[in-house]
Amino acid sequence: MNDTMWRCDQVRAGQLYNRMMFDTKEEAERFVRRMQQMEPDQVFSIEAVEASRVWN
C-alpha cells in the first residue's frame, strides 16, 4: 500500500458534488480528463493525502 493517496474533488456551482480516491496521481489526472470532456461545467481538484488519514 502506498503512503500517499490522491483525492479528487468534483465541484458544481460551488458545492462538492463527488469525491473519489485514487492510488496514483496519474489515475486521478486520467479521471479528470475524461470527466472534463463529459461535464465541462464542473471544477476538479486533485490533492495528495496521507493514506493513514483515509484508512484507520
N, C-alpha and C. Protein backbone atom coordinates (compact mmCIF):
# COMPACT_ATOMS: atom_id res chain seq x y z
N MET A 1 0.83 -1.19 0.00
CA MET A 1 0.00 0.00 0.00
C MET A 1 0.88 1.24 0.00
N ASN A 2 0.47 2.23 -0.76
CA ASN A 2 1.20 3.50 -0.84
C ASN A 2 0.97 4.31 0.43
N ASP A 3 1.93 5.17 0.75
CA ASP A 3 1.78 6.09 1.87
C ASP A 3 0.94 7.30 1.49
N THR A 4 0.79 7.52 0.17
CA THR A 4 0.04 8.67 -0.34
C THR A 4 -1.09 8.19 -1.22
N MET A 5 -2.24 8.80 -1.04
CA MET A 5 -3.37 8.58 -1.93
C MET A 5 -3.71 9.94 -2.53
N TRP A 6 -4.50 9.92 -3.60
CA TRP A 6 -4.84 11.14 -4.30
C TRP A 6 -6.34 11.34 -4.27
N ARG A 7 -6.76 12.45 -3.68
CA ARG A 7 -8.18 12.79 -3.56
C ARG A 7 -8.55 13.73 -4.71
N CYS A 8 -9.63 13.39 -5.39
CA CYS A 8 -10.13 14.20 -6.49
C CYS A 8 -11.52 14.69 -6.11
N ASP A 9 -11.67 15.99 -5.95
CA ASP A 9 -12.96 16.59 -5.64
C ASP A 9 -13.57 17.16 -6.91
N GLN A 10 -14.84 16.91 -7.08
CA GLN A 10 -15.60 17.39 -8.22
C GLN A 10 -16.62 18.39 -7.67
N VAL A 11 -16.54 19.63 -8.14
CA VAL A 11 -17.37 20.71 -7.61
C VAL A 11 -18.27 21.26 -8.71
N ARG A 12 -19.53 21.44 -8.37
CA ARG A 12 -20.50 22.04 -9.30
C ARG A 12 -21.22 23.15 -8.57
N ALA A 13 -21.24 24.33 -9.17
CA ALA A 13 -21.91 25.50 -8.59
C ALA A 13 -21.44 25.77 -7.16
N GLY A 14 -20.14 25.58 -6.93
CA GLY A 14 -19.57 25.87 -5.62
C GLY A 14 -19.81 24.83 -4.55
N GLN A 15 -20.46 23.72 -4.90
CA GLN A 15 -20.78 22.67 -3.92
C GLN A 15 -20.05 21.38 -4.29
N LEU A 16 -19.54 20.68 -3.28
CA LEU A 16 -18.90 19.39 -3.52
C LEU A 16 -19.93 18.44 -4.10
N TYR A 17 -19.65 17.91 -5.26
CA TYR A 17 -20.57 17.03 -5.98
C TYR A 17 -20.14 15.57 -5.81
N ASN A 18 -18.83 15.32 -5.84
CA ASN A 18 -18.32 13.97 -5.77
C ASN A 18 -16.89 14.00 -5.26
N ARG A 19 -16.49 12.97 -4.53
CA ARG A 19 -15.11 12.84 -4.07
C ARG A 19 -14.67 11.41 -4.35
N MET A 20 -13.55 11.30 -5.05
CA MET A 20 -13.01 9.99 -5.40
C MET A 20 -11.58 9.90 -4.88
N MET A 21 -11.16 8.69 -4.55
CA MET A 21 -9.80 8.44 -4.10
C MET A 21 -9.10 7.55 -5.12
N PHE A 22 -7.82 7.85 -5.37
CA PHE A 22 -7.03 7.10 -6.34
C PHE A 22 -5.70 6.73 -5.71
N ASP A 23 -5.14 5.63 -6.19
CA ASP A 23 -3.84 5.17 -5.70
C ASP A 23 -2.68 5.98 -6.25
N THR A 24 -2.84 6.50 -7.47
CA THR A 24 -1.77 7.27 -8.10
C THR A 24 -2.30 8.59 -8.64
N LYS A 25 -1.40 9.54 -8.77
CA LYS A 25 -1.76 10.84 -9.34
C LYS A 25 -2.18 10.68 -10.80
N GLU A 26 -1.52 9.78 -11.51
CA GLU A 26 -1.84 9.56 -12.92
C GLU A 26 -3.28 9.07 -13.08
N GLU A 27 -3.74 8.18 -12.21
CA GLU A 27 -5.12 7.71 -12.27
C GLU A 27 -6.10 8.87 -12.05
N ALA A 28 -5.79 9.71 -11.09
CA ALA A 28 -6.65 10.86 -10.79
C ALA A 28 -6.70 11.82 -11.97
N GLU A 29 -5.54 12.10 -12.57
CA GLU A 29 -5.50 13.01 -13.71
C GLU A 29 -6.24 12.44 -14.92
N ARG A 30 -6.13 11.13 -15.14
CA ARG A 30 -6.84 10.49 -16.24
C ARG A 30 -8.36 10.60 -16.03
N PHE A 31 -8.81 10.40 -14.79
CA PHE A 31 -10.22 10.54 -14.46
C PHE A 31 -10.71 11.97 -14.74
N VAL A 32 -9.93 12.95 -14.32
CA VAL A 32 -10.31 14.36 -14.52
C VAL A 32 -10.41 14.68 -16.01
N ARG A 33 -9.47 14.22 -16.80
CA ARG A 33 -9.52 14.48 -18.24
C ARG A 33 -10.79 13.91 -18.87
N ARG A 34 -11.14 12.68 -18.50
CA ARG A 34 -12.36 12.07 -19.04
C ARG A 34 -13.60 12.83 -18.61
N MET A 35 -13.66 13.20 -17.34
CA MET A 35 -14.84 13.89 -16.82
C MET A 35 -14.98 15.28 -17.40
N GLN A 36 -13.89 15.98 -17.61
CA GLN A 36 -13.95 17.34 -18.18
C GLN A 36 -14.50 17.31 -19.60
N GLN A 37 -14.28 16.24 -20.32
CA GLN A 37 -14.84 16.12 -21.66
C GLN A 37 -16.35 15.94 -21.59
N MET A 38 -16.83 15.20 -20.60
CA MET A 38 -18.26 14.92 -20.48
C MET A 38 -19.02 16.03 -19.76
N GLU A 39 -18.36 16.67 -18.78
CA GLU A 39 -19.04 17.67 -17.95
C GLU A 39 -18.13 18.89 -17.78
N PRO A 40 -18.03 19.72 -18.82
CA PRO A 40 -17.11 20.86 -18.76
C PRO A 40 -17.50 21.95 -17.76
N ASP A 41 -18.72 21.89 -17.22
CA ASP A 41 -19.16 22.92 -16.27
C ASP A 41 -18.70 22.63 -14.85
N GLN A 42 -18.02 21.53 -14.63
CA GLN A 42 -17.57 21.18 -13.29
C GLN A 42 -16.10 21.51 -13.10
N VAL A 43 -15.74 21.78 -11.86
CA VAL A 43 -14.36 22.10 -11.49
C VAL A 43 -13.80 20.91 -10.73
N PHE A 44 -12.56 20.55 -11.02
CA PHE A 44 -11.92 19.41 -10.38
C PHE A 44 -10.65 19.86 -9.68
N SER A 45 -10.36 19.23 -8.56
CA SER A 45 -9.09 19.48 -7.88
C SER A 45 -8.52 18.14 -7.45
N ILE A 46 -7.20 18.04 -7.51
CA ILE A 46 -6.50 16.83 -7.10
C ILE A 46 -5.56 17.21 -5.97
N GLU A 47 -5.60 16.43 -4.90
CA GLU A 47 -4.78 16.73 -3.73
C GLU A 47 -4.20 15.45 -3.16
N ALA A 48 -2.93 15.48 -2.79
CA ALA A 48 -2.28 14.34 -2.14
C ALA A 48 -2.70 14.31 -0.68
N VAL A 49 -3.04 13.12 -0.18
CA VAL A 49 -3.38 12.95 1.23
C VAL A 49 -2.66 11.71 1.75
N GLU A 50 -2.29 11.75 3.01
CA GLU A 50 -1.67 10.59 3.62
C GLU A 50 -2.68 9.46 3.74
N ALA A 51 -2.27 8.27 3.35
CA ALA A 51 -3.17 7.12 3.39
C ALA A 51 -3.68 6.88 4.81
N SER A 52 -2.87 7.16 5.81
CA SER A 52 -3.28 6.94 7.20
C SER A 52 -4.45 7.85 7.59
N ARG A 53 -4.64 8.96 6.87
CA ARG A 53 -5.77 9.86 7.17
C ARG A 53 -7.06 9.38 6.51
N VAL A 54 -6.91 8.44 5.53
CA VAL A 54 -8.05 7.90 4.83
C VAL A 54 -8.51 6.60 5.46
N TRP A 55 -7.56 5.73 5.73
CA TRP A 55 -7.85 4.41 6.30
C TRP A 55 -7.35 4.34 7.72
N ASN A 56 -8.18 3.85 8.60
CA ASN A 56 -7.77 3.70 10.01
C ASN A 56 -7.21 2.34 10.26
